[in-house]
Every structure is written in structure tokens, then in C-alpha cells.
Amino acid sequence: MEDLFRLLGRLLNFLLFFFIIDMFFNRGRSRARNYGRFQQNSEEGHEEQSSQSYWSNSASHIDEAYSALGATRAMSDNDIKKLYRKLAKKYHPDVNNSLEAQAEMTKINNAYETIMESRKVVH
């Protein structure tokens, strides 16, 4: 019985150590506002994993972010911010309560965040 408790203690120590190391090294990878993990697909009636929540800084994903906002790479940071605010006012949950508006708001939030991260702009 004592050996069993000793084994459980070692296992818990290992799991705690692994959890602390994982939290330390994965700290920068997760976003505080990860709204778009899953979105309702209104046409097919099932949840699908949203690609917006996994946008990285590769060129194709950034192009997708620009097209989601209706922006171009030539636009200034202030112009993109104005466009984002215009779209956010249109699709904000306080103004528009539909599921499509919620999905669109998630998409433009993730697109704006991706663009600003790629431009290294603190917003």
C-alpha cells in the first residue's frame, strides 16, 4: 500500500512538473481573446472549426485576413483601423443579434488582430 502511494505521489509530481513547463513555454501561443474557435455553420447546421482562430503570419493567411476586412496591403494602419471600426459597429452584438452577425464579428476581430500582428502594430 505504501508503494502505491509513493507511485501516485511520483505520478502527481511528474504531471505537475509537466503542466508548469507546458504553461511556461506555451504562454505566448494562446490568445487572450480567442473568440472564433468554433462557429455555427448556418447552411449545414453543424459546427465547424474556424480557420480564423488559427491564422498565422504566412502570406496566404494574411491575404485572407485582408480580404475578410475588405482592405488592401497598401492601406495605412489608420485606414485599416477605421474600416475595422466601421465593420465592428455594423456587426456588434449590441446592434445586431443574429448568428450571422456574431460569426462576421468574430471573423473581422480575428482578421484585424492578424493584420496588426503582421504589421507589428500595438493596438
N, C-alpha and C. Protein backbone atom coordinates (compact mmCIF):
# COMPACT_ATOMS: atom_id res chain seq x y z
N MET A 1 0.82 -1.18 0.00
CA MET A 1 0.00 0.00 0.00
C MET A 1 0.87 1.26 0.00
N GLU A 2 1.94 1.19 0.76
CA GLU A 2 2.86 2.33 0.82
C GLU A 2 3.51 2.57 -0.55
N ASP A 3 3.84 1.49 -1.26
CA ASP A 3 4.41 1.61 -2.60
C ASP A 3 3.43 2.26 -3.57
N LEU A 4 2.17 1.95 -3.41
CA LEU A 4 1.14 2.54 -4.28
C LEU A 4 1.05 4.05 -4.05
N PHE A 5 1.08 4.49 -2.80
CA PHE A 5 1.04 5.92 -2.50
C PHE A 5 2.30 6.62 -3.02
N ARG A 6 3.44 5.95 -2.89
CA ARG A 6 4.68 6.51 -3.39
C ARG A 6 4.63 6.67 -4.91
N LEU A 7 4.08 5.66 -5.61
CA LEU A 7 3.93 5.71 -7.05
C LEU A 7 2.97 6.83 -7.47
N LEU A 8 1.85 6.94 -6.77
CA LEU A 8 0.90 8.02 -7.06
C LEU A 8 1.52 9.40 -6.81
N GLY A 9 2.30 9.51 -5.78
CA GLY A 9 2.99 10.77 -5.49
C GLY A 9 3.95 11.15 -6.59
N ARG A 10 4.71 10.20 -7.08
CA ARG A 10 5.64 10.46 -8.17
C ARG A 10 4.91 10.84 -9.45
N LEU A 11 3.79 10.15 -9.71
CA LEU A 11 2.99 10.46 -10.88
C LEU A 11 2.42 11.88 -10.81
N LEU A 12 1.92 12.26 -9.65
CA LEU A 12 1.40 13.62 -9.48
C LEU A 12 2.51 14.67 -9.61
N ASN A 13 3.68 14.37 -9.07
CA ASN A 13 4.82 15.29 -9.22
C ASN A 13 5.19 15.45 -10.68
N PHE A 14 5.21 14.36 -11.42
CA PHE A 14 5.54 14.42 -12.85
C PHE A 14 4.50 15.25 -13.60
N LEU A 15 3.21 14.99 -13.33
CA LEU A 15 2.16 15.75 -14.02
C LEU A 15 2.21 17.23 -13.67
N LEU A 16 2.46 17.56 -12.44
CA LEU A 16 2.58 18.96 -12.03
C LEU A 16 3.78 19.62 -12.72
N PHE A 17 4.89 18.94 -12.76
CA PHE A 17 6.07 19.47 -13.43
C PHE A 17 5.80 19.67 -14.91
N PHE A 18 5.18 18.69 -15.55
CA PHE A 18 4.85 18.80 -16.97
C PHE A 18 3.90 19.97 -17.21
N PHE A 19 2.89 20.14 -16.37
CA PHE A 19 1.92 21.23 -16.51
C PHE A 19 2.61 22.59 -16.39
N ILE A 20 3.51 22.74 -15.43
CA ILE A 20 4.21 24.02 -15.23
C ILE A 20 5.10 24.32 -16.43
N ILE A 21 5.82 23.34 -16.93
CA ILE A 21 6.68 23.55 -18.11
C ILE A 21 5.82 23.89 -19.32
N ASP A 22 4.71 23.20 -19.50
CA ASP A 22 3.82 23.47 -20.62
C ASP A 22 3.26 24.88 -20.54
N MET A 23 2.85 25.33 -19.38
CA MET A 23 2.32 26.68 -19.22
C MET A 23 3.40 27.72 -19.51
N PHE A 24 4.63 27.45 -19.12
CA PHE A 24 5.71 28.40 -19.32
C PHE A 24 6.04 28.55 -20.81
N PHE A 25 6.13 27.45 -21.54
CA PHE A 25 6.53 27.53 -22.94
C PHE A 25 5.39 27.83 -23.89
N ASN A 26 4.15 27.56 -23.54
CA ASN A 26 3.02 27.84 -24.41
C ASN A 26 2.34 29.17 -24.09
N ARG A 27 2.94 29.94 -23.23
CA ARG A 27 2.34 31.19 -22.79
C ARG A 27 2.08 32.14 -23.94
N GLY A 28 2.98 32.28 -24.90
CA GLY A 28 2.82 33.23 -25.98
C GLY A 28 1.98 32.73 -27.13
N ARG A 29 1.67 31.45 -27.17
CA ARG A 29 0.96 30.90 -28.32
C ARG A 29 -0.54 31.11 -28.24
N SER A 30 -1.11 31.10 -27.07
CA SER A 30 -2.56 31.24 -26.97
C SER A 30 -2.92 32.72 -26.89
N ARG A 31 -4.07 33.05 -27.42
CA ARG A 31 -4.54 34.42 -27.41
C ARG A 31 -5.53 34.61 -26.27
N ALA A 32 -5.51 35.80 -25.72
CA ALA A 32 -6.46 36.08 -24.65
C ALA A 32 -7.88 36.11 -25.18
N ARG A 33 -8.05 36.61 -26.40
CA ARG A 33 -9.38 36.70 -26.99
C ARG A 33 -9.46 35.73 -28.16
N ASN A 34 -9.76 34.51 -27.87
CA ASN A 34 -9.87 33.52 -28.94
C ASN A 34 -11.35 33.23 -29.17
N TYR A 35 -12.03 34.20 -29.78
CA TYR A 35 -13.46 34.12 -29.97
C TYR A 35 -13.86 33.08 -31.01
N GLY A 36 -13.08 32.92 -32.06
CA GLY A 36 -13.53 32.19 -33.22
C GLY A 36 -13.16 30.74 -33.29
N ARG A 37 -13.02 30.07 -32.19
CA ARG A 37 -12.63 28.67 -32.25
C ARG A 37 -13.63 27.84 -33.02
N PHE A 38 -14.89 27.98 -32.68
CA PHE A 38 -15.93 27.25 -33.40
C PHE A 38 -17.01 28.24 -33.77
N GLN A 39 -17.53 28.10 -34.96
CA GLN A 39 -18.61 28.97 -35.36
C GLN A 39 -19.73 28.12 -35.95
N GLN A 40 -20.93 28.63 -35.84
CA GLN A 40 -22.09 27.90 -36.34
C GLN A 40 -22.16 28.07 -37.85
N ASN A 41 -22.22 26.96 -38.55
CA ASN A 41 -22.38 26.99 -40.00
C ASN A 41 -23.88 26.96 -40.26
N SER A 42 -24.44 28.11 -40.64
CA SER A 42 -25.88 28.25 -40.75
C SER A 42 -26.45 27.46 -41.92
N GLU A 43 -25.66 27.21 -42.96
CA GLU A 43 -26.18 26.49 -44.11
C GLU A 43 -26.32 24.99 -43.84
N GLU A 44 -25.34 24.41 -43.17
CA GLU A 44 -25.36 22.97 -42.97
C GLU A 44 -25.83 22.58 -41.57
N GLY A 45 -25.93 23.55 -40.67
CA GLY A 45 -26.45 23.27 -39.34
C GLY A 45 -25.52 22.52 -38.42
N HIS A 46 -24.23 22.59 -38.61
CA HIS A 46 -23.29 21.96 -37.70
C HIS A 46 -22.14 22.89 -37.43
N GLU A 47 -21.41 22.58 -36.36
CA GLU A 47 -20.27 23.42 -36.02
C GLU A 47 -19.06 22.99 -36.81
N GLU A 48 -18.32 23.97 -37.29
CA GLU A 48 -17.06 23.66 -37.96
C GLU A 48 -15.97 24.49 -37.32
N GLN A 49 -14.79 24.00 -37.37
CA GLN A 49 -13.67 24.70 -36.78
C GLN A 49 -13.31 25.87 -37.66
N SER A 50 -13.21 27.04 -37.05
CA SER A 50 -12.97 28.26 -37.79
C SER A 50 -11.49 28.41 -38.11
N SER A 51 -11.18 28.73 -39.34
CA SER A 51 -9.79 28.90 -39.72
C SER A 51 -9.24 30.23 -39.21
N GLN A 52 -10.13 31.17 -38.91
CA GLN A 52 -9.67 32.49 -38.45
C GLN A 52 -8.93 32.40 -37.12
N SER A 53 -9.32 31.48 -36.25
CA SER A 53 -8.67 31.40 -34.96
C SER A 53 -7.27 30.83 -35.06
N TYR A 54 -6.92 30.23 -36.18
CA TYR A 54 -5.61 29.64 -36.35
C TYR A 54 -4.79 30.35 -37.41
N TRP A 55 -5.15 31.58 -37.74
CA TRP A 55 -4.36 32.32 -38.72
C TRP A 55 -2.97 32.53 -38.18
N SER A 56 -2.01 32.29 -39.00
CA SER A 56 -0.63 32.56 -38.61
C SER A 56 -0.14 33.72 -39.47
N ASN A 57 1.12 33.98 -39.44
CA ASN A 57 1.65 35.10 -40.19
C ASN A 57 2.13 34.72 -41.58
N SER A 58 1.68 33.61 -42.13
CA SER A 58 2.06 33.27 -43.50
C SER A 58 1.30 34.17 -44.47
N ALA A 59 1.83 34.32 -45.65
CA ALA A 59 1.28 35.28 -46.62
C ALA A 59 -0.15 34.96 -46.99
N SER A 60 -0.49 33.71 -47.21
CA SER A 60 -1.85 33.39 -47.62
C SER A 60 -2.88 33.68 -46.53
N HIS A 61 -2.52 33.45 -45.27
CA HIS A 61 -3.43 33.73 -44.19
C HIS A 61 -3.60 35.24 -43.99
N ILE A 62 -2.55 35.97 -44.20
CA ILE A 62 -2.66 37.42 -44.09
C ILE A 62 -3.51 37.97 -45.23
N ASP A 63 -3.37 37.39 -46.42
CA ASP A 63 -4.23 37.81 -47.54
C ASP A 63 -5.69 37.51 -47.24
N GLU A 64 -5.96 36.38 -46.61
CA GLU A 64 -7.33 36.06 -46.21
C GLU A 64 -7.85 37.08 -45.20
N ALA A 65 -6.99 37.50 -44.29
CA ALA A 65 -7.40 38.50 -43.30
C ALA A 65 -7.72 39.83 -43.97
N TYR A 66 -6.88 40.24 -44.92
CA TYR A 66 -7.16 41.48 -45.64
C TYR A 66 -8.49 41.39 -46.40
N SER A 67 -8.75 40.26 -47.03
CA SER A 67 -10.00 40.12 -47.78
C SER A 67 -11.20 40.07 -46.85
N ALA A 68 -11.04 39.51 -45.65
CA ALA A 68 -12.15 39.48 -44.68
C ALA A 68 -12.54 40.88 -44.24
N LEU A 69 -11.57 41.77 -44.15
CA LEU A 69 -11.87 43.15 -43.79
C LEU A 69 -12.21 44.01 -45.01
N GLY A 70 -11.91 43.52 -46.18
CA GLY A 70 -12.13 44.32 -47.38
C GLY A 70 -11.04 45.37 -47.53
N ALA A 71 -9.87 45.07 -47.03
CA ALA A 71 -8.74 46.01 -47.05
C ALA A 71 -7.69 45.53 -48.05
N THR A 72 -6.73 46.41 -48.31
CA THR A 72 -5.59 46.06 -49.15
C THR A 72 -4.31 46.27 -48.35
N ARG A 73 -3.24 45.69 -48.84
CA ARG A 73 -1.95 45.86 -48.16
C ARG A 73 -1.43 47.30 -48.24
N ALA A 74 -1.90 48.03 -49.23
CA ALA A 74 -1.43 49.39 -49.42
C ALA A 74 -2.07 50.37 -48.44
N MET A 75 -3.12 49.96 -47.76
CA MET A 75 -3.81 50.85 -46.82
C MET A 75 -2.95 51.09 -45.59
N SER A 76 -3.08 52.28 -45.03
CA SER A 76 -2.32 52.62 -43.82
C SER A 76 -2.98 51.94 -42.61
N ASP A 77 -2.25 51.92 -41.51
CA ASP A 77 -2.77 51.33 -40.28
C ASP A 77 -4.03 52.05 -39.82
N ASN A 78 -4.04 53.37 -39.94
CA ASN A 78 -5.22 54.14 -39.52
C ASN A 78 -6.42 53.84 -40.40
N ASP A 79 -6.20 53.67 -41.71
CA ASP A 79 -7.31 53.34 -42.61
C ASP A 79 -7.89 51.96 -42.29
N ILE A 80 -7.03 51.02 -41.97
CA ILE A 80 -7.50 49.68 -41.60
C ILE A 80 -8.27 49.73 -40.29
N LYS A 81 -7.78 50.54 -39.36
CA LYS A 81 -8.47 50.69 -38.08
C LYS A 81 -9.85 51.31 -38.27
N LYS A 82 -9.95 52.31 -39.15
CA LYS A 82 -11.25 52.94 -39.44
C LYS A 82 -12.20 51.92 -40.07
N LEU A 83 -11.69 51.12 -41.00
CA LEU A 83 -12.50 50.10 -41.65
C LEU A 83 -12.97 49.05 -40.63
N TYR A 84 -12.07 48.65 -39.76
CA TYR A 84 -12.42 47.70 -38.71
C TYR A 84 -13.52 48.26 -37.81
N ARG A 85 -13.37 49.50 -37.38
CA ARG A 85 -14.37 50.10 -36.50
C ARG A 85 -15.73 50.22 -37.19
N LYS A 86 -15.71 50.55 -38.47
CA LYS A 86 -16.96 50.65 -39.24
C LYS A 86 -17.67 49.29 -39.27
N LEU A 87 -16.91 48.23 -39.57
CA LEU A 87 -17.49 46.89 -39.60
C LEU A 87 -17.92 46.42 -38.21
N ALA A 88 -17.14 46.77 -37.20
CA ALA A 88 -17.47 46.38 -35.83
C ALA A 88 -18.76 47.04 -35.36
N LYS A 89 -18.97 48.28 -35.75
CA LYS A 89 -20.23 48.95 -35.39
C LYS A 89 -21.41 48.29 -36.09
N LYS A 90 -21.20 47.83 -37.29
CA LYS A 90 -22.28 47.20 -38.06
C LYS A 90 -22.66 45.83 -37.49
N TYR A 91 -21.66 45.04 -37.08
CA TYR A 91 -21.90 43.67 -36.67
C TYR A 91 -21.82 43.44 -35.16
N HIS A 92 -21.72 44.49 -34.38
CA HIS A 92 -21.60 44.34 -32.93
C HIS A 92 -22.86 43.68 -32.35
N PRO A 93 -22.70 42.78 -31.37
CA PRO A 93 -23.87 42.09 -30.80
C PRO A 93 -24.91 43.02 -30.18
N ASP A 94 -24.52 44.18 -29.71
CA ASP A 94 -25.49 45.12 -29.15
C ASP A 94 -26.37 45.72 -30.23
N VAL A 95 -25.88 45.76 -31.46
CA VAL A 95 -26.63 46.34 -32.57
C VAL A 95 -27.35 45.26 -33.37
N ASN A 96 -26.68 44.14 -33.60
CA ASN A 96 -27.21 43.09 -34.46
C ASN A 96 -27.08 41.75 -33.73
N ASN A 97 -28.21 41.14 -33.39
CA ASN A 97 -28.18 39.93 -32.56
C ASN A 97 -28.20 38.62 -33.34
N SER A 98 -28.11 38.66 -34.65
CA SER A 98 -28.20 37.43 -35.44
C SER A 98 -26.92 36.60 -35.33
N LEU A 99 -27.06 35.30 -35.62
CA LEU A 99 -25.90 34.40 -35.59
C LEU A 99 -24.90 34.76 -36.69
N GLU A 100 -25.40 35.19 -37.84
CA GLU A 100 -24.51 35.59 -38.93
C GLU A 100 -23.66 36.79 -38.52
N ALA A 101 -24.28 37.74 -37.81
CA ALA A 101 -23.54 38.92 -37.35
C ALA A 101 -22.47 38.52 -36.33
N GLN A 102 -22.80 37.56 -35.47
CA GLN A 102 -21.82 37.10 -34.49
C GLN A 102 -20.64 36.44 -35.18
N ALA A 103 -20.91 35.61 -36.18
CA ALA A 103 -19.83 34.96 -36.93
C ALA A 103 -19.00 35.98 -37.68
N GLU A 104 -19.65 36.98 -38.26
CA GLU A 104 -18.93 38.02 -39.00
C GLU A 104 -18.08 38.86 -38.06
N MET A 105 -18.60 39.15 -36.87
CA MET A 105 -17.83 39.92 -35.88
C MET A 105 -16.59 39.15 -35.45
N THR A 106 -16.74 37.85 -35.26
CA THR A 106 -15.60 37.00 -34.92
C THR A 106 -14.57 37.03 -36.04
N LYS A 107 -15.04 36.93 -37.26
CA LYS A 107 -14.14 36.92 -38.41
C LYS A 107 -13.38 38.23 -38.53
N ILE A 108 -14.06 39.36 -38.37
CA ILE A 108 -13.35 40.64 -38.53
C ILE A 108 -12.43 40.92 -37.34
N ASN A 109 -12.80 40.46 -36.14
CA ASN A 109 -11.89 40.62 -34.99
C ASN A 109 -10.59 39.85 -35.22
N ASN A 110 -10.72 38.61 -35.65
CA ASN A 110 -9.53 37.80 -35.89
C ASN A 110 -8.71 38.33 -37.06
N ALA A 111 -9.39 38.81 -38.09
CA ALA A 111 -8.68 39.38 -39.23
C ALA A 111 -7.90 40.63 -38.83
N TYR A 112 -8.54 41.50 -38.07
CA TYR A 112 -7.87 42.73 -37.63
C TYR A 112 -6.66 42.41 -36.75
N GLU A 113 -6.85 41.47 -35.85
CA GLU A 113 -5.75 41.09 -34.97
C GLU A 113 -4.59 40.49 -35.76
N THR A 114 -4.89 39.67 -36.76
CA THR A 114 -3.86 39.06 -37.60
C THR A 114 -3.10 40.12 -38.38
N ILE A 115 -3.82 41.07 -38.95
CA ILE A 115 -3.18 42.12 -39.74
C ILE A 115 -2.28 42.98 -38.86
N MET A 116 -2.78 43.37 -37.70
CA MET A 116 -1.98 44.22 -36.82
C MET A 116 -0.76 43.48 -36.28
N GLU A 117 -0.90 42.18 -36.04
CA GLU A 117 0.27 41.40 -35.60
C GLU A 117 1.29 41.29 -36.72
N SER A 118 0.83 41.13 -37.95
CA SER A 118 1.77 41.01 -39.05
C SER A 118 2.49 42.32 -39.33
N ARG A 119 1.82 43.42 -39.02
CA ARG A 119 2.44 44.73 -39.20
C ARG A 119 3.20 45.18 -37.96
N LYS A 120 3.15 44.38 -36.92
CA LYS A 120 3.83 44.68 -35.65
C LYS A 120 3.33 45.98 -35.03
N VAL A 121 2.01 46.18 -35.09
CA VAL A 121 1.37 47.36 -34.56
C VAL A 121 0.72 47.00 -33.24
N VAL A 122 0.95 47.80 -32.21
CA VAL A 122 0.29 47.60 -30.93
C VAL A 122 -1.02 48.36 -30.99
N HIS A 123 -2.13 47.65 -30.84
CA HIS A 123 -3.44 48.30 -30.92
C HIS A 123 -4.19 48.26 -29.65
